[in-house]
Amino acid sequence: MFLAYFREHGEGWEIDDAPGYLSPDPQRVIFPDFQFTKDGRTRYLELFHRWHATALNERLANPPENLIIGVDRSLLKKDGVLKAKLEADPFFQKCGFFFRDFPGTENVLKLLNK
């Protein structure tokens, strides 16, 4: 549903739902959910659902510059301290957002256009 809606309302951003992987350093591989391109710029979106708590903590520890992260609010119910941690995290404040069930196009566009 997100993919179809974004293709209609993406403000010129092209979206790819099979972006492959990122390798920010030799010890890490990241498999983002979406890749966005516009005017020679490329950004990636990685979504974290309730079963991704460990991966989210790892990502926050050393995030790639061109990554946006979305965190499903259901993950917050599982970990009571996570919301406060995310609200205090400088990367999440700049490049992250919360969603319920699937991400909103408006949230993603806001971060893409920064």
PDB file of N, CA and C in Angstrom:
ATOM      1  N   MET A   1       0.822  -1.183   0.000  1.00  0.00           N
ATOM      2  CA  MET A   1       0.000   0.000   0.000  1.00  0.00           C
ATOM      3  C   MET A   1       0.876   1.261   0.000  1.00  0.00           C
ATOM      4  N   PHE A   2       1.931   1.265   0.828  1.00  0.00           N
ATOM      5  CA  PHE A   2       2.835   2.416   0.882  1.00  0.00           C
ATOM      6  C   PHE A   2       3.467   2.671  -0.479  1.00  0.00           C
ATOM      7  N   LEU A   3       3.943   1.624  -1.119  1.00  0.00           N
ATOM      8  CA  LEU A   3       4.617   1.742  -2.413  1.00  0.00           C
ATOM      9  C   LEU A   3       3.693   2.391  -3.454  1.00  0.00           C
ATOM     10  N   ALA A   4       2.489   1.918  -3.568  1.00  0.00           N
ATOM     11  CA  ALA A   4       1.538   2.462  -4.543  1.00  0.00           C
ATOM     12  C   ALA A   4       1.216   3.924  -4.247  1.00  0.00           C
ATOM     13  N   TYR A   5       0.977   4.242  -2.995  1.00  0.00           N
ATOM     14  CA  TYR A   5       0.640   5.614  -2.624  1.00  0.00           C
ATOM     15  C   TYR A   5       1.833   6.540  -2.872  1.00  0.00           C
ATOM     16  N   PHE A   6       3.037   6.072  -2.536  1.00  0.00           N
ATOM     17  CA  PHE A   6       4.214   6.913  -2.725  1.00  0.00           C
ATOM     18  C   PHE A   6       4.442   7.191  -4.213  1.00  0.00           C
ATOM     19  N   ARG A   7       4.233   6.197  -5.052  1.00  0.00           N
ATOM     20  CA  ARG A   7       4.421   6.405  -6.498  1.00  0.00           C
ATOM     21  C   ARG A   7       3.485   7.494  -7.027  1.00  0.00           C
ATOM     22  N   GLU A   8       2.317   7.629  -6.451  1.00  0.00           N
ATOM     23  CA  GLU A   8       1.369   8.662  -6.871  1.00  0.00           C
ATOM     24  C   GLU A   8       1.679  10.033  -6.292  1.00  0.00           C
ATOM     25  N   HIS A   9       2.222  10.073  -5.071  1.00  0.00           N
ATOM     26  CA  HIS A   9       2.359  11.343  -4.341  1.00  0.00           C
ATOM     27  C   HIS A   9       3.798  11.648  -3.932  1.00  0.00           C
ATOM     28  N   GLY A  10       4.769  11.072  -4.603  1.00  0.00           N
ATOM     29  CA  GLY A  10       6.159  11.158  -4.175  1.00  0.00           C
ATOM     30  C   GLY A  10       6.925  12.406  -4.551  1.00  0.00           C
ATOM     31  N   GLU A  11       6.267  13.415  -5.071  1.00  0.00           N
ATOM     32  CA  GLU A  11       6.903  14.705  -5.370  1.00  0.00           C
ATOM     33  C   GLU A  11       8.181  14.566  -6.198  1.00  0.00           C
ATOM     34  N   GLY A  12       8.157  13.666  -7.176  1.00  0.00           N
ATOM     35  CA  GLY A  12       9.311  13.520  -8.062  1.00  0.00           C
ATOM     36  C   GLY A  12      10.349  12.514  -7.600  1.00  0.00           C
ATOM     37  N   TRP A  13      10.216  11.993  -6.392  1.00  0.00           N
ATOM     38  CA  TRP A  13      11.126  10.961  -5.906  1.00  0.00           C
ATOM     39  C   TRP A  13      10.751   9.632  -6.558  1.00  0.00           C
ATOM     40  N   GLU A  14      11.737   8.927  -7.070  1.00  0.00           N
ATOM     41  CA  GLU A  14      11.500   7.581  -7.583  1.00  0.00           C
ATOM     42  C   GLU A  14      11.724   6.606  -6.441  1.00  0.00           C
ATOM     43  N   ILE A  15      10.907   5.570  -6.382  1.00  0.00           N
ATOM     44  CA  ILE A  15      10.996   4.594  -5.298  1.00  0.00           C
ATOM     45  C   ILE A  15      11.283   3.210  -5.868  1.00  0.00           C
ATOM     46  N   ASP A  16      12.147   2.493  -5.194  1.00  0.00           N
ATOM     47  CA  ASP A  16      12.497   1.117  -5.567  1.00  0.00           C
ATOM     48  C   ASP A  16      12.298   0.262  -4.326  1.00  0.00           C
ATOM     49  N   ASP A  17      11.485  -0.785  -4.437  1.00  0.00           N
ATOM     50  CA  ASP A  17      11.220  -1.641  -3.274  1.00  0.00           C
ATOM     51  C   ASP A  17      12.118  -2.871  -3.230  1.00  0.00           C
ATOM     52  N   ALA A  18      13.155  -2.900  -4.062  1.00  0.00           N
ATOM     53  CA  ALA A  18      14.141  -3.990  -4.043  1.00  0.00           C
ATOM     54  C   ALA A  18      15.540  -3.392  -4.214  1.00  0.00           C
ATOM     55  N   PRO A  19      15.966  -2.579  -3.237  1.00  0.00           N
ATOM     56  CA  PRO A  19      17.210  -1.828  -3.413  1.00  0.00           C
ATOM     57  C   PRO A  19      18.503  -2.613  -3.224  1.00  0.00           C
ATOM     58  N   GLY A  20      18.434  -3.880  -2.874  1.00  0.00           N
ATOM     59  CA  GLY A  20      19.671  -4.625  -2.620  1.00  0.00           C
ATOM     60  C   GLY A  20      20.154  -4.365  -1.206  1.00  0.00           C
ATOM     61  N   TYR A  21      21.445  -4.069  -1.079  1.00  0.00           N
ATOM     62  CA  TYR A  21      21.978  -3.866   0.269  1.00  0.00           C
ATOM     63  C   TYR A  21      22.980  -2.712   0.290  1.00  0.00           C
ATOM     64  N   LEU A  22      23.219  -2.209   1.484  1.00  0.00           N
ATOM     65  CA  LEU A  22      24.248  -1.198   1.741  1.00  0.00           C
ATOM     66  C   LEU A  22      25.338  -1.864   2.549  1.00  0.00           C
ATOM     67  N   SER A  23      26.564  -1.493   2.302  1.00  0.00           N
ATOM     68  CA  SER A  23      27.676  -2.001   3.098  1.00  0.00           C
ATOM     69  C   SER A  23      28.510  -0.809   3.548  1.00  0.00           C
ATOM     70  N   PRO A  24      28.075  -0.150   4.638  1.00  0.00           N
ATOM     71  CA  PRO A  24      28.761   1.053   5.088  1.00  0.00           C
ATOM     72  C   PRO A  24      30.207   0.815   5.533  1.00  0.00           C
ATOM     73  N   ASP A  25      30.517  -0.410   5.906  1.00  0.00           N
ATOM     74  CA  ASP A  25      31.896  -0.786   6.239  1.00  0.00           C
ATOM     75  C   ASP A  25      32.006  -2.300   6.039  1.00  0.00           C
ATOM     76  N   PRO A  26      33.219  -2.851   6.040  1.00  0.00           N
ATOM     77  CA  PRO A  26      33.387  -4.281   5.742  1.00  0.00           C
ATOM     78  C   PRO A  26      32.689  -5.239   6.719  1.00  0.00           C
ATOM     79  N   GLN A  27      32.367  -4.786   7.918  1.00  0.00           N
ATOM     80  CA  GLN A  27      31.751  -5.673   8.908  1.00  0.00           C
ATOM     81  C   GLN A  27      30.220  -5.605   8.932  1.00  0.00           C
ATOM     82  N   ARG A  28      29.612  -4.706   8.138  1.00  0.00           N
ATOM     83  CA  ARG A  28      28.159  -4.539   8.228  1.00  0.00           C
ATOM     84  C   ARG A  28      27.500  -4.573   6.862  1.00  0.00           C
ATOM     85  N   VAL A  29      26.349  -5.173   6.849  1.00  0.00           N
ATOM     86  CA  VAL A  29      25.492  -5.165   5.666  1.00  0.00           C
ATOM     87  C   VAL A  29      24.090  -4.779   6.139  1.00  0.00           C
ATOM     88  N   ILE A  30      23.475  -3.844   5.421  1.00  0.00           N
ATOM     89  CA  ILE A  30      22.138  -3.366   5.751  1.00  0.00           C
ATOM     90  C   ILE A  30      21.242  -3.624   4.551  1.00  0.00           C
ATOM     91  N   PHE A  31      20.069  -4.170   4.806  1.00  0.00           N
ATOM     92  CA  PHE A  31      19.097  -4.436   3.752  1.00  0.00           C
ATOM     93  C   PHE A  31      17.913  -3.490   3.930  1.00  0.00           C
ATOM     94  N   PRO A  32      17.981  -2.294   3.343  1.00  0.00           N
ATOM     95  CA  PRO A  32      16.873  -1.343   3.497  1.00  0.00           C
ATOM     96  C   PRO A  32      15.626  -1.832   2.761  1.00  0.00           C
ATOM     97  N   ASP A  33      14.486  -1.313   3.164  1.00  0.00           N
ATOM     98  CA  ASP A  33      13.216  -1.700   2.556  1.00  0.00           C
ATOM     99  C   ASP A  33      12.958  -0.971   1.240  1.00  0.00           C
ATOM    100  N   PHE A  34      13.413   0.270   1.152  1.00  0.00           N
ATOM    101  CA  PHE A  34      13.163   1.080  -0.038  1.00  0.00           C
ATOM    102  C   PHE A  34      14.378   1.953  -0.347  1.00  0.00           C
ATOM    103  N   GLN A  35      14.511   2.287  -1.624  1.00  0.00           N
ATOM    104  CA  GLN A  35      15.518   3.245  -2.082  1.00  0.00           C
ATOM    105  C   GLN A  35      14.767   4.363  -2.804  1.00  0.00           C
ATOM    106  N   PHE A  36      15.187   5.601  -2.562  1.00  0.00           N
ATOM    107  CA  PHE A  36      14.569   6.767  -3.186  1.00  0.00           C
ATOM    108  C   PHE A  36      15.641   7.541  -3.937  1.00  0.00           C
ATOM    109  N   THR A  37      15.327   7.995  -5.137  1.00  0.00           N
ATOM    110  CA  THR A  37      16.274   8.805  -5.901  1.00  0.00           C
ATOM    111  C   THR A  37      15.549  10.008  -6.490  1.00  0.00           C
ATOM    112  N   LYS A  38      16.274  11.128  -6.513  1.00  0.00           N
ATOM    113  CA  LYS A  38      15.760  12.358  -7.108  1.00  0.00           C
ATOM    114  C   LYS A  38      16.928  13.312  -7.297  1.00  0.00           C
ATOM    115  N   ASP A  39      17.046  13.876  -8.476  1.00  0.00           N
ATOM    116  CA  ASP A  39      18.073  14.879  -8.758  1.00  0.00           C
ATOM    117  C   ASP A  39      19.473  14.417  -8.355  1.00  0.00           C
ATOM    118  N   GLY A  40      19.790  13.163  -8.638  1.00  0.00           N
ATOM    119  CA  GLY A  40      21.117  12.639  -8.331  1.00  0.00           C
ATOM    120  C   GLY A  40      21.346  12.272  -6.877  1.00  0.00           C
ATOM    121  N   ARG A  41      20.337  12.438  -6.037  1.00  0.00           N
ATOM    122  CA  ARG A  41      20.451  12.067  -4.619  1.00  0.00           C
ATOM    123  C   ARG A  41      19.801  10.710  -4.396  1.00  0.00           C
ATOM    124  N   THR A  42      20.394   9.928  -3.509  1.00  0.00           N
ATOM    125  CA  THR A  42      19.846   8.622  -3.154  1.00  0.00           C
ATOM    126  C   THR A  42      19.723   8.535  -1.647  1.00  0.00           C
ATOM    127  N   ARG A  43      18.555   8.107  -1.195  1.00  0.00           N
ATOM    128  CA  ARG A  43      18.305   7.877   0.236  1.00  0.00           C
ATOM    129  C   ARG A  43      17.661   6.505   0.369  1.00  0.00           C
ATOM    130  N   TYR A  44      17.811   5.917   1.544  1.00  0.00           N
ATOM    131  CA  TYR A  44      17.258   4.595   1.817  1.00  0.00           C
ATOM    132  C   TYR A  44      16.357   4.673   3.037  1.00  0.00           C
ATOM    133  N   LEU A  45      15.361   3.812   3.068  1.00  0.00           N
ATOM    134  CA  LEU A  45      14.446   3.715   4.200  1.00  0.00           C
ATOM    135  C   LEU A  45      14.487   2.300   4.742  1.00  0.00           C
ATOM    136  N   GLU A  46      14.732   2.205   6.034  1.00  0.00           N
ATOM    137  CA  GLU A  46      14.678   0.920   6.716  1.00  0.00           C
ATOM    138  C   GLU A  46      13.580   0.999   7.766  1.00  0.00           C
ATOM    139  N   LEU A  47      12.688   0.013   7.747  1.00  0.00           N
ATOM    140  CA  LEU A  47      11.562  -0.015   8.676  1.00  0.00           C
ATOM    141  C   LEU A  47      11.810  -1.046   9.763  1.00  0.00           C
ATOM    142  N   PHE A  48      11.509  -0.667  11.000  1.00  0.00           N
ATOM    143  CA  PHE A  48      11.709  -1.552  12.150  1.00  0.00           C
ATOM    144  C   PHE A  48      10.361  -1.847  12.784  1.00  0.00           C
ATOM    145  N   HIS A  49       9.991  -3.122  12.743  1.00  0.00           N
ATOM    146  CA  HIS A  49       8.732  -3.590  13.318  1.00  0.00           C
ATOM    147  C   HIS A  49       9.005  -4.221  14.676  1.00  0.00           C
ATOM    148  N   ARG A  50       7.978  -4.733  15.314  1.00  0.00           N
ATOM    149  CA  ARG A  50       8.100  -5.215  16.696  1.00  0.00           C
ATOM    150  C   ARG A  50       9.155  -6.297  16.893  1.00  0.00           C
ATOM    151  N   TRP A  51       9.553  -7.000  15.861  1.00  0.00           N
ATOM    152  CA  TRP A  51      10.541  -8.068  15.999  1.00  0.00           C
ATOM    153  C   TRP A  51      11.956  -7.593  15.648  1.00  0.00           C
ATOM    154  N   HIS A  52      12.154  -6.285  15.460  1.00  0.00           N
ATOM    155  CA  HIS A  52      13.456  -5.756  15.034  1.00  0.00           C
ATOM    156  C   HIS A  52      14.193  -4.956  16.113  1.00  0.00           C
ATOM    157  N   ALA A  53      13.944  -5.177  17.375  1.00  0.00           N
ATOM    158  CA  ALA A  53      14.550  -4.357  18.428  1.00  0.00           C
ATOM    159  C   ALA A  53      16.076  -4.419  18.412  1.00  0.00           C
ATOM    160  N   THR A  54      16.646  -5.587  18.262  1.00  0.00           N
ATOM    161  CA  THR A  54      18.111  -5.721  18.261  1.00  0.00           C
ATOM    162  C   THR A  54      18.719  -4.990  17.084  1.00  0.00           C
ATOM    163  N   ALA A  55      18.150  -5.164  15.902  1.00  0.00           N
ATOM    164  CA  ALA A  55      18.670  -4.498  14.705  1.00  0.00           C
ATOM    165  C   ALA A  55      18.557  -2.980  14.831  1.00  0.00           C
ATOM    166  N   LEU A  56      17.486  -2.489  15.437  1.00  0.00           N
ATOM    167  CA  LEU A  56      17.320  -1.047  15.618  1.00  0.00           C
ATOM    168  C   LEU A  56      18.420  -0.485  16.505  1.00  0.00           C
ATOM    169  N   ASN A  57      18.709  -1.140  17.608  1.00  0.00           N
ATOM    170  CA  ASN A  57      19.782  -0.673  18.491  1.00  0.00           C
ATOM    171  C   ASN A  57      21.123  -0.654  17.769  1.00  0.00           C
ATOM    172  N   GLU A  58      21.379  -1.670  16.969  1.00  0.00           N
ATOM    173  CA  GLU A  58      22.623  -1.715  16.192  1.00  0.00           C
ATOM    174  C   GLU A  58      22.679  -0.569  15.185  1.00  0.00           C
ATOM    175  N   ARG A  59      21.552  -0.278  14.528  1.00  0.00           N
ATOM    176  CA  ARG A  59      21.526   0.776  13.522  1.00  0.00           C
ATOM    177  C   ARG A  59      21.759   2.143  14.146  1.00  0.00           C
ATOM    178  N   LEU A  60      21.169   2.378  15.310  1.00  0.00           N
ATOM    179  CA  LEU A  60      21.341   3.666  15.984  1.00  0.00           C
ATOM    180  C   LEU A  60      22.777   3.880  16.441  1.00  0.00           C
ATOM    181  N   ALA A  61      23.483   2.797  16.696  1.00  0.00           N
ATOM    182  CA  ALA A  61      24.864   2.905  17.165  1.00  0.00           C
ATOM    183  C   ALA A  61      25.799   3.453  16.086  1.00  0.00           C
ATOM    184  N   ASN A  62      25.483   3.188  14.812  1.00  0.00           N
ATOM    185  CA  ASN A  62      26.371   3.628  13.734  1.00  0.00           C
ATOM    186  C   ASN A  62      25.597   3.718  12.416  1.00  0.00           C
ATOM    187  N   PRO A  63      24.714   4.713  12.279  1.00  0.00           N
ATOM    188  CA  PRO A  63      23.859   4.779  11.093  1.00  0.00           C
ATOM    189  C   PRO A  63      24.574   5.371   9.875  1.00  0.00           C
ATOM    190  N   PRO A  64      24.298   4.838   8.687  1.00  0.00           N
ATOM    191  CA  PRO A  64      24.811   5.467   7.467  1.00  0.00           C
ATOM    192  C   PRO A  64      24.144   6.832   7.265  1.00  0.00           C
ATOM    193  N   GLU A  65      24.840   7.759   6.639  1.00  0.00           N
ATOM    194  CA  GLU A  65      24.330   9.123   6.444  1.00  0.00           C
ATOM    195  C   GLU A  65      23.065   9.173   5.597  1.00  0.00           C
ATOM    196  N   ASN A  66      22.951   8.312   4.609  1.00  0.00           N
ATOM    197  CA  ASN A  66      21.832   8.405   3.664  1.00  0.00           C
ATOM    198  C   ASN A  66      20.658   7.493   4.036  1.00  0.00           C
ATOM    199  N   LEU A  67      20.534   7.175   5.312  1.00  0.00           N
ATOM    200  CA  LEU A  67      19.480   6.272   5.779  1.00  0.00           C
ATOM    201  C   LEU A  67      18.419   7.033   6.563  1.00  0.00           C
ATOM    202  N   ILE A  68      17.173   6.676   6.319  1.00  0.00           N
ATOM    203  CA  ILE A  68      16.029   7.136   7.103  1.00  0.00           C
ATOM    204  C   ILE A  68      15.483   5.891   7.787  1.00  0.00           C
ATOM    205  N   ILE A  69      15.075   6.032   9.042  1.00  0.00           N
ATOM    206  CA  ILE A  69      14.506   4.868   9.715  1.00  0.00           C
ATOM    207  C   ILE A  69      13.103   5.179  10.231  1.00  0.00           C
ATOM    208  N   GLY A  70      12.236   4.196  10.063  1.00  0.00           N
ATOM    209  CA  GLY A  70      10.884   4.272  10.589  1.00  0.00           C
ATOM    210  C   GLY A  70      10.700   3.191  11.635  1.00  0.00           C
ATOM    211  N   VAL A  71      10.089   3.551  12.744  1.00  0.00           N
ATOM    212  CA  VAL A  71       9.894   2.609  13.849  1.00  0.00           C
ATOM    213  C   VAL A  71       8.407   2.444  14.110  1.00  0.00           C
ATOM    214  N   ASP A  72       7.935   1.213  13.982  1.00  0.00           N
ATOM    215  CA  ASP A  72       6.534   0.897  14.257  1.00  0.00           C
ATOM    216  C   ASP A  72       6.279   1.066  15.751  1.00  0.00           C
ATOM    217  N   ARG A  73       5.222   1.744  16.080  1.00  0.00           N
ATOM    218  CA  ARG A  73       4.898   2.006  17.491  1.00  0.00           C
ATOM    219  C   ARG A  73       4.688   0.716  18.292  1.00  0.00           C
ATOM    220  N   SER A  74       4.390  -0.386  17.630  1.00  0.00           N
ATOM    221  CA  SER A  74       4.224  -1.660  18.334  1.00  0.00           C
ATOM    222  C   SER A  74       5.538  -2.099  18.979  1.00  0.00           C
ATOM    223  N   LEU A  75       6.655  -1.675  18.422  1.00  0.00           N
ATOM    224  CA  LEU A  75       7.959  -1.992  19.010  1.00  0.00           C
ATOM    225  C   LEU A  75       8.135  -1.272  20.341  1.00  0.00           C
ATOM    226  N   LEU A  76       7.531  -0.112  20.481  1.00  0.00           N
ATOM    227  CA  LEU A  76       7.640   0.654  21.731  1.00  0.00           C
ATOM    228  C   LEU A  76       6.923  -0.049  22.875  1.00  0.00           C
ATOM    229  N   LYS A  77       5.847  -0.755  22.556  1.00  0.00           N
ATOM    230  CA  LYS A  77       5.113  -1.483  23.596  1.00  0.00           C
ATOM    231  C   LYS A  77       5.941  -2.621  24.159  1.00  0.00           C
ATOM    232  N   LYS A  78       6.792  -3.173  23.313  1.00  0.00           N
ATOM    233  CA  LYS A  78       7.623  -4.299  23.715  1.00  0.00           C
ATOM    234  C   LYS A  78       8.787  -3.851  24.604  1.00  0.00           C
ATOM    235  N   ASP A  79       9.256  -2.634  24.384  1.00  0.00           N
ATOM    236  CA  ASP A  79      10.421  -2.117  25.102  1.00  0.00           C
ATOM    237  C   ASP A  79      10.063  -0.745  25.674  1.00  0.00           C
ATOM    238  N   GLY A  80       9.793  -0.679  26.960  1.00  0.00           N
ATOM    239  CA  GLY A  80       9.356   0.551  27.607  1.00  0.00           C
ATOM    240  C   GLY A  80      10.358   1.685  27.594  1.00  0.00           C
ATOM    241  N   VAL A  81      11.629   1.404  27.473  1.00  0.00           N
ATOM    242  CA  VAL A  81      12.659   2.458  27.483  1.00  0.00           C
ATOM    243  C   VAL A  81      12.986   2.965  26.084  1.00  0.00           C
ATOM    244  N   LEU A  82      12.565   2.233  25.086  1.00  0.00           N
ATOM    245  CA  LEU A  82      12.957   2.559  23.719  1.00  0.00           C
ATOM    246  C   LEU A  82      12.453   3.925  23.268  1.00  0.00           C
ATOM    247  N   LYS A  83      11.230   4.289  23.596  1.00  0.00           N
ATOM    248  CA  LYS A  83      10.694   5.579  23.166  1.00  0.00           C
ATOM    249  C   LYS A  83      11.553   6.728  23.681  1.00  0.00           C
ATOM    250  N   ALA A  84      11.920   6.694  24.946  1.00  0.00           N
ATOM    251  CA  ALA A  84      12.766   7.754  25.511  1.00  0.00           C
ATOM    252  C   ALA A  84      14.134   7.761  24.844  1.00  0.00           C
ATOM    253  N   LYS A  85      14.663   6.574  24.573  1.00  0.00           N
ATOM    254  CA  LYS A  85      15.963   6.476  23.900  1.00  0.00           C
ATOM    255  C   LYS A  85      15.903   7.102  22.506  1.00  0.00           C
ATOM    256  N   LEU A  86      14.853   6.788  21.757  1.00  0.00           N
ATOM    257  CA  LEU A  86      14.709   7.337  20.407  1.00  0.00           C
ATOM    258  C   LEU A  86      14.499   8.850  20.433  1.00  0.00           C
ATOM    259  N   GLU A  87      13.713   9.314  21.371  1.00  0.00           N
ATOM    260  CA  GLU A  87      13.456  10.750  21.468  1.00  0.00           C
ATOM    261  C   GLU A  87      14.712  11.533  21.842  1.00  0.00           C
ATOM    262  N   ALA A  88      15.674  10.873  22.478  1.00  0.00           N
ATOM    263  CA  ALA A  88      16.927  11.533  22.853  1.00  0.00           C
ATOM    264  C   ALA A  88      18.044  11.295  21.840  1.00  0.00           C
ATOM    265  N   ASP A  89      17.840  10.407  20.894  1.00  0.00           N
ATOM    266  CA  ASP A  89      18.885  10.055  19.936  1.00  0.00           C
ATOM    267  C   ASP A  89      18.988  11.107  18.830  1.00  0.00           C
ATOM    268  N   PRO A  90      20.164  11.734  18.639  1.00  0.00           N
ATOM    269  CA  PRO A  90      20.305  12.790  17.624  1.00  0.00           C
ATOM    270  C   PRO A  90      20.028  12.307  16.200  1.00  0.00           C
ATOM    271  N   PHE A  91      20.466  11.099  15.851  1.00  0.00           N
ATOM    272  CA  PHE A  91      20.211  10.588  14.508  1.00  0.00           C
ATOM    273  C   PHE A  91      18.719  10.378  14.281  1.00  0.00           C
ATOM    274  N   PHE A  92      18.041   9.759  15.243  1.00  0.00           N
ATOM    275  CA  PHE A  92      16.611   9.507  15.086  1.00  0.00           C
ATOM    276  C   PHE A  92      15.843  10.820  14.987  1.00  0.00           C
ATOM    277  N   GLN A  93      16.248  11.816  15.762  1.00  0.00           N
ATOM    278  CA  GLN A  93      15.567  13.103  15.705  1.00  0.00           C
ATOM    279  C   GLN A  93      15.699  13.748  14.333  1.00  0.00           C
ATOM    280  N   LYS A  94      16.815  13.506  13.662  1.00  0.00           N
ATOM    281  CA  LYS A  94      17.075  14.096  12.351  1.00  0.00           C
ATOM    282  C   LYS A  94      16.537  13.226  11.208  1.00  0.00           C
ATOM    283  N   CYS A  95      16.606  11.904  11.353  1.00  0.00           N
ATOM    284  CA  CYS A  95      16.336  10.994  10.232  1.00  0.00           C
ATOM    285  C   CYS A  95      15.367   9.874  10.563  1.00  0.00           C
ATOM    286  N   GLY A  96      14.562  10.028  11.587  1.00  0.00           N
ATOM    287  CA  GLY A  96      13.664   8.948  11.971  1.00  0.00           C
ATOM    288  C   GLY A  96      12.244   9.423  12.216  1.00  0.00           C
ATOM    289  N   PHE A  97      11.331   8.472  12.216  1.00  0.00           N
ATOM    290  CA  PHE A  97       9.928   8.766  12.486  1.00  0.00           C
ATOM    291  C   PHE A  97       9.243   7.506  13.017  1.00  0.00           C
ATOM    292  N   PHE A  98       8.110   7.714  13.669  1.00  0.00           N
ATOM    293  CA  PHE A  98       7.283   6.615  14.157  1.00  0.00           C
ATOM    294  C   PHE A  98       6.135   6.389  13.175  1.00  0.00           C
ATOM    295  N   PHE A  99       5.668   5.152  13.092  1.00  0.00           N
ATOM    296  CA  PHE A  99       4.505   4.842  12.270  1.00  0.00           C
ATOM    297  C   PHE A  99       3.719   3.721  12.940  1.00  0.00           C
ATOM    298  N   ARG A 100       2.496   3.529  12.453  1.00  0.00           N
ATOM    299  CA  ARG A 100       1.654   2.432  12.941  1.00  0.00           C
ATOM    300  C   ARG A 100       1.225   1.612  11.723  1.00  0.00           C
ATOM    301  N   ASP A 101       1.596   0.347  11.708  1.00  0.00           N
ATOM    302  CA  ASP A 101       1.269  -0.614  10.650  1.00  0.00           C
ATOM    303  C   ASP A 101       2.066  -0.397   9.358  1.00  0.00           C
ATOM    304  N   PHE A 102       1.951   0.748   8.717  1.00  0.00           N
ATOM    305  CA  PHE A 102       2.797   1.042   7.554  1.00  0.00           C
ATOM    306  C   PHE A 102       3.131   2.536   7.571  1.00  0.00           C
ATOM    307  N   PRO A 103       4.274   2.909   6.998  1.00  0.00           N
ATOM    308  CA  PRO A 103       4.718   4.304   7.090  1.00  0.00           C
ATOM    309  C   PRO A 103       3.849   5.236   6.259  1.00  0.00           C
ATOM    310  N   GLY A 104       3.711   6.459   6.731  1.00  0.00           N
ATOM    311  CA  GLY A 104       2.984   7.475   5.984  1.00  0.00           C
ATOM    312  C   GLY A 104       3.898   8.171   4.987  1.00  0.00           C
ATOM    313  N   THR A 105       3.392   8.412   3.806  1.00  0.00           N
ATOM    314  CA  THR A 105       4.162   9.093   2.769  1.00  0.00           C
ATOM    315  C   THR A 105       4.631  10.466   3.239  1.00  0.00           C
ATOM    316  N   GLU A 106       3.796  11.178   3.978  1.00  0.00           N
ATOM    317  CA  GLU A 106       4.144  12.530   4.430  1.00  0.00           C
ATOM    318  C   GLU A 106       5.399  12.514   5.302  1.00  0.00           C
ATOM    319  N   ASN A 107       5.487  11.562   6.228  1.00  0.00           N
ATOM    320  CA  ASN A 107       6.663  11.465   7.098  1.00  0.00           C
ATOM    321  C   ASN A 107       7.933  11.211   6.289  1.00  0.00           C
ATOM    322  N   VAL A 108       7.832  10.305   5.337  1.00  0.00           N
ATOM    323  CA  VAL A 108       8.991   9.956   4.522  1.00  0.00           C
ATOM    324  C   VAL A 108       9.404  11.139   3.653  1.00  0.00           C
ATOM    325  N   LEU A 109       8.452  11.795   3.013  1.00  0.00           N
ATOM    326  CA  LEU A 109       8.762  12.946   2.160  1.00  0.00           C
ATOM    327  C   LEU A 109       9.416  14.073   2.952  1.00  0.00           C
ATOM    328  N   LYS A 110       8.937  14.302   4.144  1.00  0.00           N
ATOM    329  CA  LYS A 110       9.511  15.362   4.988  1.00  0.00           C
ATOM    330  C   LYS A 110      11.007  15.111   5.208  1.00  0.00           C
ATOM    331  N   LEU A 111      11.365  13.873   5.496  1.00  0.00           N
ATOM    332  CA  LEU A 111      12.775  13.532   5.721  1.00  0.00           C
ATOM    333  C   LEU A 111      13.582  13.501   4.429  1.00  0.00           C
ATOM    334  N   LEU A 112      12.975  13.040   3.355  1.00  0.00           N
ATOM    335  CA  LEU A 112      13.672  13.029   2.067  1.00  0.00           C
ATOM    336  C   LEU A 112      14.003  14.451   1.605  1.00  0.00           C
ATOM    337  N   ASN A 113      13.102  15.368   1.842  1.00  0.00           N
ATOM    338  CA  ASN A 113      13.264  16.746   1.356  1.00  0.00           C
ATOM    339  C   ASN A 113      14.115  17.627   2.270  1.00  0.00           C
ATOM    340  N   LYS A 114      14.579  17.109   3.387  1.00  0.00           N
ATOM    341  CA  LYS A 114      15.450  17.897   4.277  1.00  0.00           C
ATOM    342  C   LYS A 114      16.768  18.189   3.621  1.00  0.00           C
TER     343      LYS A 114
END
